[in-house]
Amino acid sequence: MSILDYFRKQEPASANLAKDRLKIVVAHERAQRQGPDYLPDLERDILQVLAKYVSVDADNVKVQLDKTDNQWAVLELNITLPDHQ
């Protein structure tokens, strides 16, 4: 160890870990953003229509668009309906 090593700033291991976690979060957000802009509006509209007939929590409605290739896209709608009593 030289005297110059003493004055160099050492990056703590927790900083590298935080940087890696941030990269994962940014990659996830970018993947979410690649979907069309209308998906949140579509999900909201579907929730409003469902509310006319049944009481559904917004957390129980998921709308997702999966691209199978350059020509096709699959719109997936998952709704967890309450038990009918």
PDB file of N, CA and C in Angstrom:
ATOM      1  N   MET A   1       0.859  -1.179   0.000  1.00  0.00           N
ATOM      2  CA  MET A   1       0.000   0.000   0.000  1.00  0.00           C
ATOM      3  C   MET A   1       0.892   1.224   0.000  1.00  0.00           C
ATOM      4  N   SER A   2       0.691   2.084  -0.975  1.00  0.00           N
ATOM      5  CA  SER A   2       1.482   3.298  -1.052  1.00  0.00           C
ATOM      6  C   SER A   2       0.771   4.427  -0.323  1.00  0.00           C
ATOM      7  N   ILE A   3       1.455   5.489  -0.144  1.00  0.00           N
ATOM      8  CA  ILE A   3       0.889   6.658   0.540  1.00  0.00           C
ATOM      9  C   ILE A   3      -0.258   7.265  -0.276  1.00  0.00           C
ATOM     10  N   LEU A   4      -0.204   7.135  -1.606  1.00  0.00           N
ATOM     11  CA  LEU A   4      -1.271   7.671  -2.452  1.00  0.00           C
ATOM     12  C   LEU A   4      -2.567   6.880  -2.301  1.00  0.00           C
ATOM     13  N   ASP A   5      -2.471   5.594  -2.041  1.00  0.00           N
ATOM     14  CA  ASP A   5      -3.660   4.788  -1.812  1.00  0.00           C
ATOM     15  C   ASP A   5      -4.442   5.259  -0.588  1.00  0.00           C
ATOM     16  N   TYR A   6      -3.769   5.809   0.356  1.00  0.00           N
ATOM     17  CA  TYR A   6      -4.413   6.300   1.557  1.00  0.00           C
ATOM     18  C   TYR A   6      -5.353   7.473   1.254  1.00  0.00           C
ATOM     19  N   PHE A   7      -4.995   8.316   0.264  1.00  0.00           N
ATOM     20  CA  PHE A   7      -5.771   9.508  -0.057  1.00  0.00           C
ATOM     21  C   PHE A   7      -6.848   9.258  -1.120  1.00  0.00           C
ATOM     22  N   ARG A   8      -6.778   8.133  -1.792  1.00  0.00           N
ATOM     23  CA  ARG A   8      -7.809   7.825  -2.783  1.00  0.00           C
ATOM     24  C   ARG A   8      -9.107   7.464  -2.079  1.00  0.00           C
ATOM     25  N   LYS A   9     -10.169   7.942  -2.661  1.00  0.00           N
ATOM     26  CA  LYS A   9     -11.478   7.673  -2.075  1.00  0.00           C
ATOM     27  C   LYS A   9     -11.889   6.247  -2.412  1.00  0.00           C
ATOM     28  N   GLN A  10     -12.173   5.476  -1.416  1.00  0.00           N
ATOM     29  CA  GLN A  10     -12.637   4.108  -1.592  1.00  0.00           C
ATOM     30  C   GLN A  10     -14.162   4.113  -1.618  1.00  0.00           C
ATOM     31  N   GLU A  11     -14.723   3.476  -2.627  1.00  0.00           N
ATOM     32  CA  GLU A  11     -16.178   3.388  -2.733  1.00  0.00           C
ATOM     33  C   GLU A  11     -16.640   2.218  -1.874  1.00  0.00           C
ATOM     34  N   PRO A  12     -17.529   2.487  -0.926  1.00  0.00           N
ATOM     35  CA  PRO A  12     -17.962   1.389  -0.056  1.00  0.00           C
ATOM     36  C   PRO A  12     -18.772   0.352  -0.831  1.00  0.00           C
ATOM     37  N   ALA A  13     -18.773  -0.858  -0.311  1.00  0.00           N
ATOM     38  CA  ALA A  13     -19.488  -1.951  -0.969  1.00  0.00           C
ATOM     39  C   ALA A  13     -20.978  -1.659  -1.054  1.00  0.00           C
ATOM     40  N   SER A  14     -21.519  -0.935  -0.084  1.00  0.00           N
ATOM     41  CA  SER A  14     -22.949  -0.641  -0.110  1.00  0.00           C
ATOM     42  C   SER A  14     -23.297   0.286  -1.277  1.00  0.00           C
ATOM     43  N   ALA A  15     -22.366   1.129  -1.698  1.00  0.00           N
ATOM     44  CA  ALA A  15     -22.616   2.004  -2.850  1.00  0.00           C
ATOM     45  C   ALA A  15     -22.741   1.174  -4.128  1.00  0.00           C
ATOM     46  N   ASN A  16     -21.890   0.174  -4.287  1.00  0.00           N
ATOM     47  CA  ASN A  16     -21.987  -0.702  -5.456  1.00  0.00           C
ATOM     48  C   ASN A  16     -23.296  -1.484  -5.447  1.00  0.00           C
ATOM     49  N   LEU A  17     -23.690  -1.938  -4.289  1.00  0.00           N
ATOM     50  CA  LEU A  17     -24.947  -2.662  -4.169  1.00  0.00           C
ATOM     51  C   LEU A  17     -26.127  -1.761  -4.515  1.00  0.00           C
ATOM     52  N   ALA A  18     -26.116  -0.532  -4.028  1.00  0.00           N
ATOM     53  CA  ALA A  18     -27.186   0.420  -4.334  1.00  0.00           C
ATOM     54  C   ALA A  18     -27.219   0.741  -5.821  1.00  0.00           C
ATOM     55  N   LYS A  19     -26.048   0.863  -6.428  1.00  0.00           N
ATOM     56  CA  LYS A  19     -25.983   1.139  -7.866  1.00  0.00           C
ATOM     57  C   LYS A  19     -26.570  -0.021  -8.663  1.00  0.00           C
ATOM     58  N   ASP A  20     -26.268  -1.250  -8.276  1.00  0.00           N
ATOM     59  CA  ASP A  20     -26.822  -2.419  -8.962  1.00  0.00           C
ATOM     60  C   ASP A  20     -28.333  -2.480  -8.809  1.00  0.00           C
ATOM     61  N   ARG A  21     -28.825  -2.173  -7.623  1.00  0.00           N
ATOM     62  CA  ARG A  21     -30.276  -2.178  -7.403  1.00  0.00           C
ATOM     63  C   ARG A  21     -30.954  -1.094  -8.237  1.00  0.00           C
ATOM     64  N   LEU A  22     -30.338   0.063  -8.339  1.00  0.00           N
ATOM     65  CA  LEU A  22     -30.897   1.150  -9.139  1.00  0.00           C
ATOM     66  C   LEU A  22     -30.953   0.767 -10.611  1.00  0.00           C
ATOM     67  N   LYS A  23     -29.944   0.052 -11.094  1.00  0.00           N
ATOM     68  CA  LYS A  23     -29.953  -0.409 -12.480  1.00  0.00           C
ATOM     69  C   LYS A  23     -31.135  -1.338 -12.738  1.00  0.00           C
ATOM     70  N   ILE A  24     -31.431  -2.205 -11.774  1.00  0.00           N
ATOM     71  CA  ILE A  24     -32.561  -3.121 -11.914  1.00  0.00           C
ATOM     72  C   ILE A  24     -33.874  -2.350 -11.944  1.00  0.00           C
ATOM     73  N   VAL A  25     -34.015  -1.367 -11.069  1.00  0.00           N
ATOM     74  CA  VAL A  25     -35.243  -0.566 -11.027  1.00  0.00           C
ATOM     75  C   VAL A  25     -35.426   0.206 -12.330  1.00  0.00           C
ATOM     76  N   VAL A  26     -34.353   0.803 -12.827  1.00  0.00           N
ATOM     77  CA  VAL A  26     -34.431   1.574 -14.072  1.00  0.00           C
ATOM     78  C   VAL A  26     -34.789   0.656 -15.243  1.00  0.00           C
ATOM     79  N   ALA A  27     -34.195  -0.526 -15.298  1.00  0.00           N
ATOM     80  CA  ALA A  27     -34.514  -1.473 -16.368  1.00  0.00           C
ATOM     81  C   ALA A  27     -35.978  -1.894 -16.300  1.00  0.00           C
ATOM     82  N   HIS A  28     -36.488  -2.113 -15.100  1.00  0.00           N
ATOM     83  CA  HIS A  28     -37.895  -2.489 -14.945  1.00  0.00           C
ATOM     84  C   HIS A  28     -38.815  -1.359 -15.397  1.00  0.00           C
ATOM     85  N   GLU A  29     -38.494  -0.131 -15.033  1.00  0.00           N
ATOM     86  CA  GLU A  29     -39.311   1.013 -15.437  1.00  0.00           C
ATOM     87  C   GLU A  29     -39.279   1.206 -16.954  1.00  0.00           C
ATOM     88  N   ARG A  30     -38.143   1.002 -17.567  1.00  0.00           N
ATOM     89  CA  ARG A  30     -38.051   1.123 -19.026  1.00  0.00           C
ATOM     90  C   ARG A  30     -38.904   0.063 -19.712  1.00  0.00           C
ATOM     91  N   ALA A  31     -38.903  -1.135 -19.163  1.00  0.00           N
ATOM     92  CA  ALA A  31     -39.714  -2.202 -19.745  1.00  0.00           C
ATOM     93  C   ALA A  31     -41.198  -1.873 -19.626  1.00  0.00           C
ATOM     94  N   GLN A  32     -41.592  -1.281 -18.508  1.00  0.00           N
ATOM     95  CA  GLN A  32     -42.988  -0.891 -18.322  1.00  0.00           C
ATOM     96  C   GLN A  32     -43.379   0.223 -19.278  1.00  0.00           C
ATOM     97  N   ARG A  33     -42.456   1.117 -19.563  1.00  0.00           N
ATOM     98  CA  ARG A  33     -42.734   2.287 -20.392  1.00  0.00           C
ATOM     99  C   ARG A  33     -42.867   1.938 -21.868  1.00  0.00           C
ATOM    100  N   GLN A  34     -42.397   0.776 -22.265  1.00  0.00           N
ATOM    101  CA  GLN A  34     -42.460   0.405 -23.672  1.00  0.00           C
ATOM    102  C   GLN A  34     -43.883   0.081 -24.105  1.00  0.00           C
ATOM    103  N   GLY A  35     -44.785  -0.098 -23.166  1.00  0.00           N
ATOM    104  CA  GLY A  35     -46.174  -0.355 -23.509  1.00  0.00           C
ATOM    105  C   GLY A  35     -46.829   0.914 -24.022  1.00  0.00           C
ATOM    106  N   PRO A  36     -47.968   0.767 -24.680  1.00  0.00           N
ATOM    107  CA  PRO A  36     -48.669   1.935 -25.209  1.00  0.00           C
ATOM    108  C   PRO A  36     -49.158   2.844 -24.089  1.00  0.00           C
ATOM    109  N   ASP A  37     -49.306   4.119 -24.409  1.00  0.00           N
ATOM    110  CA  ASP A  37     -49.725   5.103 -23.420  1.00  0.00           C
ATOM    111  C   ASP A  37     -51.172   4.916 -22.987  1.00  0.00           C
ATOM    112  N   TYR A  38     -51.962   4.230 -23.791  1.00  0.00           N
ATOM    113  CA  TYR A  38     -53.382   4.109 -23.487  1.00  0.00           C
ATOM    114  C   TYR A  38     -53.699   3.027 -22.458  1.00  0.00           C
ATOM    115  N   LEU A  39     -52.750   2.200 -22.078  1.00  0.00           N
ATOM    116  CA  LEU A  39     -53.049   1.103 -21.161  1.00  0.00           C
ATOM    117  C   LEU A  39     -53.586   1.575 -19.803  1.00  0.00           C
ATOM    118  N   PRO A  40     -53.013   2.591 -19.157  1.00  0.00           N
ATOM    119  CA  PRO A  40     -53.595   3.043 -17.880  1.00  0.00           C
ATOM    120  C   PRO A  40     -55.028   3.547 -18.047  1.00  0.00           C
ATOM    121  N   ASP A  41     -55.295   4.257 -19.147  1.00  0.00           N
ATOM    122  CA  ASP A  41     -56.657   4.734 -19.405  1.00  0.00           C
ATOM    123  C   ASP A  41     -57.601   3.565 -19.653  1.00  0.00           C
ATOM    124  N   LEU A  42     -57.137   2.570 -20.386  1.00  0.00           N
ATOM    125  CA  LEU A  42     -57.940   1.392 -20.665  1.00  0.00           C
ATOM    126  C   LEU A  42     -58.290   0.663 -19.370  1.00  0.00           C
ATOM    127  N   GLU A  43     -57.313   0.517 -18.500  1.00  0.00           N
ATOM    128  CA  GLU A  43     -57.548  -0.140 -17.219  1.00  0.00           C
ATOM    129  C   GLU A  43     -58.568   0.642 -16.388  1.00  0.00           C
ATOM    130  N   ARG A  44     -58.459   1.951 -16.372  1.00  0.00           N
ATOM    131  CA  ARG A  44     -59.405   2.789 -15.636  1.00  0.00           C
ATOM    132  C   ARG A  44     -60.824   2.656 -16.208  1.00  0.00           C
ATOM    133  N   ASP A  45     -60.936   2.673 -17.541  1.00  0.00           N
ATOM    134  CA  ASP A  45     -62.250   2.548 -18.186  1.00  0.00           C
ATOM    135  C   ASP A  45     -62.881   1.191 -17.907  1.00  0.00           C
ATOM    136  N   ILE A  46     -62.084   0.136 -17.946  1.00  0.00           N
ATOM    137  CA  ILE A  46     -62.599  -1.203 -17.648  1.00  0.00           C
ATOM    138  C   ILE A  46     -63.087  -1.258 -16.207  1.00  0.00           C
ATOM    139  N   LEU A  47     -62.359  -0.648 -15.301  1.00  0.00           N
ATOM    140  CA  LEU A  47     -62.762  -0.619 -13.899  1.00  0.00           C
ATOM    141  C   LEU A  47     -64.082   0.129 -13.724  1.00  0.00           C
ATOM    142  N   GLN A  48     -64.277   1.213 -14.462  1.00  0.00           N
ATOM    143  CA  GLN A  48     -65.525   1.967 -14.387  1.00  0.00           C
ATOM    144  C   GLN A  48     -66.701   1.144 -14.908  1.00  0.00           C
ATOM    145  N   VAL A  49     -66.504   0.409 -15.979  1.00  0.00           N
ATOM    146  CA  VAL A  49     -67.574  -0.437 -16.512  1.00  0.00           C
ATOM    147  C   VAL A  49     -67.896  -1.548 -15.521  1.00  0.00           C
ATOM    148  N   LEU A  50     -66.888  -2.173 -14.959  1.00  0.00           N
ATOM    149  CA  LEU A  50     -67.124  -3.239 -13.981  1.00  0.00           C
ATOM    150  C   LEU A  50     -67.876  -2.717 -12.761  1.00  0.00           C
ATOM    151  N   ALA A  51     -67.592  -1.491 -12.363  1.00  0.00           N
ATOM    152  CA  ALA A  51     -68.228  -0.908 -11.181  1.00  0.00           C
ATOM    153  C   ALA A  51     -69.731  -0.765 -11.362  1.00  0.00           C
ATOM    154  N   LYS A  52     -70.209  -0.725 -12.598  1.00  0.00           N
ATOM    155  CA  LYS A  52     -71.652  -0.657 -12.847  1.00  0.00           C
ATOM    156  C   LYS A  52     -72.345  -1.956 -12.441  1.00  0.00           C
ATOM    157  N   TYR A  53     -71.620  -3.057 -12.451  1.00  0.00           N
ATOM    158  CA  TYR A  53     -72.218  -4.369 -12.237  1.00  0.00           C
ATOM    159  C   TYR A  53     -71.773  -5.048 -10.944  1.00  0.00           C
ATOM    160  N   VAL A  54     -70.511  -4.915 -10.590  1.00  0.00           N
ATOM    161  CA  VAL A  54     -69.980  -5.540  -9.372  1.00  0.00           C
ATOM    162  C   VAL A  54     -68.995  -4.581  -8.708  1.00  0.00           C
ATOM    163  N   SER A  55     -68.789  -4.804  -7.441  1.00  0.00           N
ATOM    164  CA  SER A  55     -67.809  -4.017  -6.695  1.00  0.00           C
ATOM    165  C   SER A  55     -66.454  -4.717  -6.801  1.00  0.00           C
ATOM    166  N   VAL A  56     -65.524  -4.079  -7.515  1.00  0.00           N
ATOM    167  CA  VAL A  56     -64.200  -4.661  -7.737  1.00  0.00           C
ATOM    168  C   VAL A  56     -63.145  -3.661  -7.287  1.00  0.00           C
ATOM    169  N   ASP A  57     -62.193  -4.150  -6.525  1.00  0.00           N
ATOM    170  CA  ASP A  57     -61.076  -3.313  -6.092  1.00  0.00           C
ATOM    171  C   ASP A  57     -60.126  -3.086  -7.270  1.00  0.00           C
ATOM    172  N   ALA A  58     -59.601  -1.878  -7.389  1.00  0.00           N
ATOM    173  CA  ALA A  58     -58.702  -1.548  -8.500  1.00  0.00           C
ATOM    174  C   ALA A  58     -57.464  -2.438  -8.519  1.00  0.00           C
ATOM    175  N   ASP A  59     -57.046  -2.929  -7.365  1.00  0.00           N
ATOM    176  CA  ASP A  59     -55.878  -3.820  -7.306  1.00  0.00           C
ATOM    177  C   ASP A  59     -56.160  -5.182  -7.922  1.00  0.00           C
ATOM    178  N   ASN A  60     -57.439  -5.499  -8.125  1.00  0.00           N
ATOM    179  CA  ASN A  60     -57.812  -6.796  -8.678  1.00  0.00           C
ATOM    180  C   ASN A  60     -58.010  -6.767 -10.185  1.00  0.00           C
ATOM    181  N   VAL A  61     -57.690  -5.647 -10.826  1.00  0.00           N
ATOM    182  CA  VAL A  61     -57.806  -5.523 -12.282  1.00  0.00           C
ATOM    183  C   VAL A  61     -56.414  -5.254 -12.841  1.00  0.00           C
ATOM    184  N   LYS A  62     -55.945  -6.145 -13.698  1.00  0.00           N
ATOM    185  CA  LYS A  62     -54.622  -6.004 -14.313  1.00  0.00           C
ATOM    186  C   LYS A  62     -54.765  -6.077 -15.828  1.00  0.00           C
ATOM    187  N   VAL A  63     -54.217  -5.086 -16.507  1.00  0.00           N
ATOM    188  CA  VAL A  63     -54.206  -5.063 -17.966  1.00  0.00           C
ATOM    189  C   VAL A  63     -52.754  -5.072 -18.405  1.00  0.00           C
ATOM    190  N   GLN A  64     -52.420  -6.001 -19.299  1.00  0.00           N
ATOM    191  CA  GLN A  64     -51.039  -6.139 -19.749  1.00  0.00           C
ATOM    192  C   GLN A  64     -51.027  -6.409 -21.239  1.00  0.00           C
ATOM    193  N   LEU A  65     -50.090  -5.810 -21.926  1.00  0.00           N
ATOM    194  CA  LEU A  65     -49.939  -6.030 -23.355  1.00  0.00           C
ATOM    195  C   LEU A  65     -48.625  -6.759 -23.591  1.00  0.00           C
ATOM    196  N   ASP A  66     -48.714  -7.954 -24.142  1.00  0.00           N
ATOM    197  CA  ASP A  66     -47.521  -8.752 -24.450  1.00  0.00           C
ATOM    198  C   ASP A  66     -47.358  -8.825 -25.956  1.00  0.00           C
ATOM    199  N   LYS A  67     -46.169  -8.516 -26.437  1.00  0.00           N
ATOM    200  CA  LYS A  67     -45.902  -8.607 -27.863  1.00  0.00           C
ATOM    201  C   LYS A  67     -45.311  -9.974 -28.164  1.00  0.00           C
ATOM    202  N   THR A  68     -45.963 -10.691 -29.083  1.00  0.00           N
ATOM    203  CA  THR A  68     -45.482 -12.021 -29.446  1.00  0.00           C
ATOM    204  C   THR A  68     -44.417 -11.934 -30.528  1.00  0.00           C
ATOM    205  N   ASP A  69     -44.571 -11.009 -31.441  1.00  0.00           N
ATOM    206  CA  ASP A  69     -43.555 -10.721 -32.458  1.00  0.00           C
ATOM    207  C   ASP A  69     -43.848  -9.317 -32.997  1.00  0.00           C
ATOM    208  N   ASN A  70     -43.261  -8.956 -34.110  1.00  0.00           N
ATOM    209  CA  ASN A  70     -43.432  -7.600 -34.627  1.00  0.00           C
ATOM    210  C   ASN A  70     -44.841  -7.322 -35.136  1.00  0.00           C
ATOM    211  N   GLN A  71     -45.613  -8.364 -35.453  1.00  0.00           N
ATOM    212  CA  GLN A  71     -46.927  -8.157 -36.043  1.00  0.00           C
ATOM    213  C   GLN A  71     -48.071  -8.334 -35.051  1.00  0.00           C
ATOM    214  N   TRP A  72     -47.877  -9.088 -33.978  1.00  0.00           N
ATOM    215  CA  TRP A  72     -48.974  -9.432 -33.094  1.00  0.00           C
ATOM    216  C   TRP A  72     -48.716  -8.961 -31.680  1.00  0.00           C
ATOM    217  N   ALA A  73     -49.792  -8.574 -31.039  1.00  0.00           N
ATOM    218  CA  ALA A  73     -49.736  -8.234 -29.629  1.00  0.00           C
ATOM    219  C   ALA A  73     -50.941  -8.880 -28.952  1.00  0.00           C
ATOM    220  N   VAL A  74     -50.744  -9.326 -27.719  1.00  0.00           N
ATOM    221  CA  VAL A  74     -51.806  -9.981 -26.969  1.00  0.00           C
ATOM    222  C   VAL A  74     -52.152  -9.099 -25.777  1.00  0.00           C
ATOM    223  N   LEU A  75     -53.425  -8.709 -25.710  1.00  0.00           N
ATOM    224  CA  LEU A  75     -53.910  -7.928 -24.579  1.00  0.00           C
ATOM    225  C   LEU A  75     -54.442  -8.906 -23.544  1.00  0.00           C
ATOM    226  N   GLU A  76     -53.841  -8.888 -22.377  1.00  0.00           N
ATOM    227  CA  GLU A  76     -54.229  -9.806 -21.310  1.00  0.00           C
ATOM    228  C   GLU A  76     -54.950  -9.011 -20.234  1.00  0.00           C
ATOM    229  N   LEU A  77     -56.126  -9.481 -19.864  1.00  0.00           N
ATOM    230  CA  LEU A  77     -56.941  -8.831 -18.845  1.00  0.00           C
ATOM    231  C   LEU A  77     -57.228  -9.843 -17.747  1.00  0.00           C
ATOM    232  N   ASN A  78     -56.768  -9.547 -16.550  1.00  0.00           N
ATOM    233  CA  ASN A  78     -57.004 -10.424 -15.397  1.00  0.00           C
ATOM    234  C   ASN A  78     -57.830  -9.657 -14.378  1.00  0.00           C
ATOM    235  N   ILE A  79     -58.990 -10.202 -14.043  1.00  0.00           N
ATOM    236  CA  ILE A  79     -59.888  -9.575 -13.073  1.00  0.00           C
ATOM    237  C   ILE A  79     -60.236 -10.612 -12.017  1.00  0.00           C
ATOM    238  N   THR A  80     -60.009 -10.268 -10.784  1.00  0.00           N
ATOM    239  CA  THR A  80     -60.426 -11.123  -9.681  1.00  0.00           C
ATOM    240  C   THR A  80     -61.751 -10.571  -9.165  1.00  0.00           C
ATOM    241  N   LEU A  81     -62.817 -11.316  -9.442  1.00  0.00           N
ATOM    242  CA  LEU A  81     -64.150 -10.891  -9.037  1.00  0.00           C
ATOM    243  C   LEU A  81     -64.435 -11.338  -7.605  1.00  0.00           C
ATOM    244  N   PRO A  82     -65.244 -10.564  -6.898  1.00  0.00           N
ATOM    245  CA  PRO A  82     -65.597 -10.973  -5.534  1.00  0.00           C
ATOM    246  C   PRO A  82     -66.508 -12.191  -5.551  1.00  0.00           C
ATOM    247  N   ASP A  83     -66.534 -12.930  -4.456  1.00  0.00           N
ATOM    248  CA  ASP A  83     -67.435 -14.071  -4.333  1.00  0.00           C
ATOM    249  C   ASP A  83     -68.871 -13.591  -4.393  1.00  0.00           C
ATOM    250  N   HIS A  84     -69.679 -14.296  -5.169  1.00  0.00           N
ATOM    251  CA  HIS A  84     -71.084 -13.938  -5.295  1.00  0.00           C
ATOM    252  C   HIS A  84     -71.867 -14.514  -4.118  1.00  0.00           C
ATOM    253  N   GLN A  85     -72.579 -13.658  -3.410  1.00  0.00           N
ATOM    254  CA  GLN A  85     -73.319 -14.130  -2.234  1.00  0.00           C
ATOM    255  C   GLN A  85     -74.769 -13.811  -2.356  1.00  0.00           C
TER     256      GLN A  85
END
